[in-house]
């Protein structure tokens, strides 16, 4: 049986919200086929924070932690990344990805409708 690990990663910075961090980290989790994953925006001491919780085998969790420390979305301004063990429940990755997709579509639809109204390039 493979030992499962749970990790909580907190990414802080002056611009880590509204730059695509949650989909960015979700894609990394999907590429690594993590068993569990969730990510959310938070605020701490007036600073923006992105919190990711991941569950998987030791090797995959190590790769996720490394990627979260090295890579970030292009528009992000990151001041620090901290990781710690996590003991709580973690949502299954497939379930979080489904919810995240719906959330991102809800953000994109008004923009796409505005573009459609202002151009004749997009077909009906």
Protein backbone atom coordinates (compact mmCIF):
# COMPACT_ATOMS: atom_id res chain seq x y z
CA UNK A 1 0.00 0.00 0.00
CA UNK A 2 1.27 3.45 -0.93
CA UNK A 3 1.51 5.95 1.91
CA UNK A 4 -0.60 9.03 1.35
CA UNK A 5 0.63 12.46 2.34
CA UNK A 6 -1.32 15.66 2.81
CA UNK A 7 0.27 19.05 2.32
CA UNK A 8 -0.93 22.63 2.79
CA UNK A 9 0.81 25.29 0.69
CA UNK A 10 0.30 29.00 1.42
CA UNK A 11 1.38 31.45 -1.27
CA UNK A 12 1.50 35.09 -0.22
CA UNK A 13 2.10 38.21 -2.22
CA UNK A 14 0.87 41.61 -3.25
CA UNK A 15 -0.80 40.08 -6.34
CA UNK A 16 -1.74 36.42 -6.08
CA UNK A 17 -5.53 36.85 -6.49
CA UNK A 18 -7.18 37.34 -9.92
CA UNK A 19 -4.10 36.20 -11.85
CA UNK A 20 -5.17 32.60 -12.53
CA UNK A 21 -3.38 31.02 -9.58
CA UNK A 22 -6.18 28.57 -8.71
CA UNK A 23 -6.49 27.12 -12.25
CA UNK A 24 -2.69 27.15 -12.52
CA UNK A 25 -2.26 25.02 -9.40
CA UNK A 26 -5.21 22.81 -10.35
CA UNK A 27 -3.52 22.00 -13.66
CA UNK A 28 -0.32 21.03 -11.86
CA UNK A 29 -2.32 18.78 -9.52
CA UNK A 30 -4.07 17.18 -12.49
CA UNK A 31 -0.78 16.64 -14.35
CA UNK A 32 0.56 14.85 -11.26
CA UNK A 33 -2.66 12.83 -10.85
CA UNK A 34 -2.98 13.77 -7.20
CA UNK A 35 -5.67 11.92 -5.31
CA UNK A 36 -7.04 14.99 -3.51
CA UNK A 37 -6.76 18.70 -4.11
CA UNK A 38 -8.41 22.00 -3.37
CA UNK A 39 -7.30 25.60 -3.60
CA UNK A 40 -8.83 28.87 -2.47
CA UNK A 41 -8.10 32.56 -2.07
CA UNK A 42 -7.73 33.97 1.43
CA UNK A 43 -6.38 37.05 3.16
CA UNK A 44 -3.95 37.22 6.05
CA UNK A 45 -2.85 40.40 7.78
CA UNK A 46 -4.15 42.45 4.84
CA UNK A 47 -2.14 40.42 2.33
CA UNK A 48 -3.42 38.19 -0.44
CA UNK A 49 -2.96 34.46 0.12
CA UNK A 50 -3.65 31.43 -2.05
CA UNK A 51 -4.02 28.22 -0.06
CA UNK A 52 -3.66 24.84 -1.76
CA UNK A 53 -4.25 21.52 -0.04
CA UNK A 54 -2.98 18.41 -1.79
CA UNK A 55 -3.09 14.68 -1.13
CA UNK A 56 -1.10 11.97 -2.85
CA UNK A 57 1.90 9.70 -2.56
CA UNK A 58 5.16 11.13 -1.28
CA UNK A 59 6.79 11.50 -4.70
CA UNK A 60 3.85 13.37 -6.26
CA UNK A 61 3.38 15.62 -3.25
CA UNK A 62 7.09 16.45 -3.42
CA UNK A 63 6.75 17.38 -7.08
CA UNK A 64 3.68 19.51 -6.36
CA UNK A 65 5.47 21.34 -3.54
CA UNK A 66 8.50 21.95 -5.73
CA UNK A 67 6.37 23.27 -8.62
CA UNK A 68 4.43 25.59 -6.28
CA UNK A 69 7.73 27.01 -5.01
CA UNK A 70 9.32 27.47 -8.44
CA UNK A 71 6.49 28.39 -10.82
CA UNK A 72 3.66 30.92 -10.75
CA UNK A 73 1.24 32.57 -13.18
CA UNK A 74 2.84 35.27 -15.31
CA UNK A 75 1.01 38.20 -13.66
CA UNK A 76 1.51 37.02 -10.06
CA UNK A 77 3.70 38.89 -7.60
CA UNK A 78 4.74 36.35 -4.95
CA UNK A 79 6.50 37.25 -1.71
CA UNK A 80 6.65 33.79 -0.17
CA UNK A 81 5.58 30.16 -0.29
CA UNK A 82 5.26 28.07 2.88
CA UNK A 83 4.38 24.40 3.14
CA UNK A 84 3.24 22.36 6.12
CA UNK A 85 1.71 18.96 6.79
CA UNK A 86 -2.09 18.88 6.74
CA UNK A 87 -4.28 16.53 8.78
CA UNK A 88 -7.80 17.41 7.61
CA UNK A 89 -10.00 16.14 4.83
CA UNK A 90 -9.11 16.88 1.21
CA UNK A 91 -11.67 16.96 -1.59
CA UNK A 92 -11.13 14.43 -4.40
CA UNK A 93 -9.28 16.13 -7.27
CA UNK A 94 -11.95 15.22 -9.87
CA UNK A 95 -14.63 16.83 -7.72
CA UNK A 96 -12.67 20.03 -7.15
CA UNK A 97 -11.78 20.25 -10.86
CA UNK A 98 -15.49 20.02 -11.77
CA UNK A 99 -16.43 22.80 -9.37
CA UNK A 100 -13.49 24.92 -10.50
CA UNK A 101 -14.44 24.55 -14.16
CA UNK A 102 -17.96 25.82 -13.47
CA UNK A 103 -16.58 28.75 -11.48
CA UNK A 104 -14.15 29.73 -14.23
CA UNK A 105 -16.87 29.47 -16.89
CA UNK A 106 -19.10 31.78 -14.84
CA UNK A 107 -16.28 34.33 -14.88
CA UNK A 108 -15.67 33.95 -18.62
CA UNK A 109 -19.25 33.98 -19.93
CA UNK A 110 -19.96 37.71 -19.35
CA UNK A 111 -16.67 38.59 -21.07
CA UNK A 112 -17.40 36.31 -24.03
CA UNK A 113 -20.90 37.75 -24.40
CA UNK A 114 -19.51 41.29 -24.38
CA UNK A 115 -16.97 40.36 -27.06
CA UNK A 116 -19.69 38.72 -29.15
CA UNK A 117 -21.87 41.85 -28.97
CA UNK A 118 -18.99 44.03 -30.12
CA UNK A 119 -17.72 42.04 -33.07
CA UNK A 120 -19.07 40.22 -36.07
CA UNK A 121 -16.16 37.78 -36.10
CA UNK A 122 -17.78 35.29 -33.74
CA UNK A 123 -20.49 33.22 -35.43
CA UNK A 124 -23.94 32.74 -33.83
